[in-house]
């Protein structure tokens, strides 16, 4: 149990650090008034009229950082994926049916997010597209592996 808890703690630490760096990098949007129209979807969603940079929702900092400086947002995404996988493996490691549902839901959510950023014009959007595509395919592979192992289709081959 200790090794799983340690992995989750390290994952949360990396997530917290990358979140702070992402917020710092994304705060550059407050000075770029021409970018407010294109990189503030949360402010628009909450019907916030942006008169100056301080009116921008901090959630939009993540969007701006992901579009133009994607290193730390990608680290955030990978650490969230890692935490979910370690947590899921530890909690439902003896329940193959629940593992199948858990990783199936993770892969569906990742691929849904992937479809939202498909055909992005920015470098960060394209990086996020490929990272989420790889994570979604890995999740599907794990789901199929768990399913095959559960149904005993995968039988060990005797080489003798």
Protein backbone atom coordinates (compact mmCIF):
# COMPACT_ATOMS: atom_id res chain seq x y z
CA UNK A 1 0.00 0.00 0.00
CA UNK A 2 2.83 2.38 0.80
CA UNK A 3 4.20 2.29 -2.74
CA UNK A 4 0.81 3.31 -4.17
CA UNK A 5 0.34 6.12 -1.64
CA UNK A 6 3.86 7.37 -2.35
CA UNK A 7 3.20 7.36 -6.09
CA UNK A 8 -0.04 9.29 -5.61
CA UNK A 9 1.69 11.84 -3.34
CA UNK A 10 4.47 12.35 -5.88
CA UNK A 11 1.85 12.67 -8.62
CA UNK A 12 -0.03 15.33 -6.67
CA UNK A 13 3.20 17.19 -5.93
CA UNK A 14 4.10 17.28 -9.63
CA UNK A 15 0.51 18.30 -10.44
CA UNK A 16 0.64 21.16 -7.92
CA UNK A 17 3.99 22.45 -9.18
CA UNK A 18 2.98 22.26 -12.83
CA UNK A 19 -0.31 24.00 -11.99
CA UNK A 20 1.54 26.89 -10.38
CA UNK A 21 3.89 27.20 -13.36
CA UNK A 22 0.95 27.01 -15.77
CA UNK A 23 -0.89 29.77 -13.92
CA UNK A 24 2.23 31.91 -14.01
CA UNK A 25 2.77 31.37 -17.74
CA UNK A 26 -0.92 31.86 -18.50
CA UNK A 27 -1.07 35.14 -16.61
CA UNK A 28 0.69 36.73 -19.57
CA UNK A 29 -2.73 37.01 -21.21
CA UNK A 30 -3.58 39.94 -18.93
CA UNK A 31 -1.20 42.12 -20.94
CA UNK A 32 -2.29 40.94 -24.40
CA UNK A 33 -5.62 42.61 -25.09
CA UNK A 34 -5.77 41.39 -28.70
CA UNK A 35 -5.74 37.79 -27.43
CA UNK A 36 -8.68 38.21 -25.04
CA UNK A 37 -11.22 37.48 -27.76
CA UNK A 38 -9.65 34.13 -28.69
CA UNK A 39 -8.25 32.75 -25.43
CA UNK A 40 -10.88 33.52 -22.79
CA UNK A 41 -13.62 30.92 -23.18
CA UNK A 42 -14.33 30.69 -19.45
CA UNK A 43 -14.75 34.43 -19.06
CA UNK A 44 -17.17 34.36 -21.99
CA UNK A 45 -18.97 31.34 -20.50
CA UNK A 46 -19.47 33.16 -17.19
CA UNK A 47 -20.56 36.34 -19.05
CA UNK A 48 -17.68 38.38 -17.68
CA UNK A 49 -17.09 41.54 -19.65
CA UNK A 50 -13.35 42.05 -19.93
CA UNK A 51 -12.42 45.69 -19.53
CA UNK A 52 -8.87 45.11 -18.32
CA UNK A 53 -6.63 42.13 -17.67
CA UNK A 54 -7.80 41.68 -14.10
CA UNK A 55 -11.32 40.79 -15.27
CA UNK A 56 -10.11 37.57 -16.91
CA UNK A 57 -11.02 34.31 -15.18
CA UNK A 58 -8.01 32.40 -13.89
CA UNK A 59 -9.28 29.33 -15.72
CA UNK A 60 -8.47 31.22 -18.92
CA UNK A 61 -4.84 31.32 -17.82
CA UNK A 62 -4.78 27.56 -18.35
CA UNK A 63 -6.23 27.95 -21.84
CA UNK A 64 -3.68 30.58 -22.84
CA UNK A 65 -0.77 28.58 -21.40
CA UNK A 66 -1.96 25.41 -23.14
CA UNK A 67 -2.20 27.24 -26.46
CA UNK A 68 1.15 29.00 -26.45
CA UNK A 69 3.38 27.47 -23.75
CA UNK A 70 2.19 23.87 -23.45
CA UNK A 71 5.03 22.27 -21.44
CA UNK A 72 3.55 22.62 -17.96
CA UNK A 73 -0.08 22.04 -19.03
CA UNK A 74 1.06 18.78 -20.65
CA UNK A 75 2.86 17.82 -17.43
CA UNK A 76 -0.40 18.57 -15.58
CA UNK A 77 -2.36 16.35 -17.94
CA UNK A 78 0.12 13.47 -17.68
CA UNK A 79 0.24 13.69 -13.89
CA UNK A 80 -3.58 13.61 -13.68
CA UNK A 81 -3.59 10.57 -15.97
CA UNK A 82 -0.92 8.91 -13.83
CA UNK A 83 -2.77 9.63 -10.56
CA UNK A 84 -6.01 8.22 -12.00
CA UNK A 85 -4.26 5.07 -13.17
CA UNK A 86 -2.41 4.42 -9.90
CA UNK A 87 -5.53 5.12 -7.86
CA UNK A 88 -7.68 2.97 -10.11
CA UNK A 89 -5.20 0.11 -10.08
CA UNK A 90 -4.92 0.15 -6.30
CA UNK A 91 -8.62 0.48 -5.51
CA UNK A 92 -10.02 -2.02 -8.01
CA UNK A 93 -7.10 -4.34 -8.68
CA UNK A 94 -9.05 -7.41 -7.60
CA UNK A 95 -12.27 -6.52 -9.44
CA UNK A 96 -11.73 -7.12 -13.18
CA UNK A 97 -15.24 -6.01 -14.13
CA UNK A 98 -14.81 -2.67 -12.33
CA UNK A 99 -11.34 -2.23 -13.88
CA UNK A 100 -12.89 -2.69 -17.27
CA UNK A 101 -15.50 -0.02 -16.54
CA UNK A 102 -12.98 2.33 -14.89
CA UNK A 103 -10.43 2.32 -17.71
CA UNK A 104 -13.16 2.35 -20.30
CA UNK A 105 -14.57 5.54 -18.76
CA UNK A 106 -11.11 7.10 -18.57
CA UNK A 107 -10.43 6.32 -22.22
CA UNK A 108 -13.84 7.67 -23.29
CA UNK A 109 -13.30 10.92 -21.37
CA UNK A 110 -9.81 11.38 -22.77
CA UNK A 111 -10.98 10.76 -26.33
CA UNK A 112 -13.91 13.14 -25.81
CA UNK A 113 -11.46 15.83 -24.69
CA UNK A 114 -9.30 14.91 -27.68
CA UNK A 115 -12.20 15.50 -30.05
CA UNK A 116 -12.71 18.99 -28.60
CA UNK A 117 -9.19 20.07 -29.52
CA UNK A 118 -9.04 18.35 -32.89
CA UNK A 119 -7.71 20.56 -35.68
CA UNK A 120 -6.39 23.28 -33.38
CA UNK A 121 -4.47 26.08 -35.14
CA UNK A 122 -1.95 26.56 -32.32
CA UNK A 123 1.15 24.54 -31.56
CA UNK A 124 -0.02 23.83 -28.03
CA UNK A 125 -3.38 22.59 -29.29
CA UNK A 126 -1.70 20.16 -31.66
CA UNK A 127 0.59 18.93 -28.89
CA UNK A 128 -2.42 18.42 -26.62
CA UNK A 129 -4.21 16.57 -29.42
CA UNK A 130 -1.39 14.07 -29.87
CA UNK A 131 -0.76 13.62 -26.14
CA UNK A 132 -4.45 12.95 -25.43
CA UNK A 133 -4.68 10.66 -28.45
CA UNK A 134 -1.76 8.59 -27.14
CA UNK A 135 -3.24 8.51 -23.62
CA UNK A 136 -6.64 7.50 -24.98
CA UNK A 137 -5.17 4.70 -27.08
CA UNK A 138 -3.15 3.47 -24.08
CA UNK A 139 -6.29 3.48 -21.95
CA UNK A 140 -8.17 1.52 -24.60
CA UNK A 141 -5.27 -0.96 -24.80
CA UNK A 142 -5.38 -1.45 -21.03
CA UNK A 143 -9.15 -1.88 -21.17
CA UNK A 144 -8.88 -4.51 -23.91
CA UNK A 145 -6.08 -6.27 -22.03
CA UNK A 146 -8.17 -6.38 -18.85
CA UNK A 147 -11.16 -7.66 -20.83
CA UNK A 148 -9.14 -10.38 -22.51
CA UNK A 149 -7.58 -11.40 -19.22
CA UNK A 150 -11.00 -11.43 -17.53
CA UNK A 151 -12.56 -13.63 -20.19
CA UNK A 152 -9.54 -15.93 -20.16
CA UNK A 153 -9.05 -15.54 -23.90
CA UNK A 154 -5.40 -14.83 -23.27
CA UNK A 155 -4.01 -18.17 -22.16
CA UNK A 156 -0.36 -18.74 -21.41
CA UNK A 157 1.45 -20.60 -24.14
CA UNK A 158 3.35 -23.70 -23.08
CA UNK A 159 6.66 -23.85 -24.94
CA UNK A 160 7.45 -27.47 -24.00
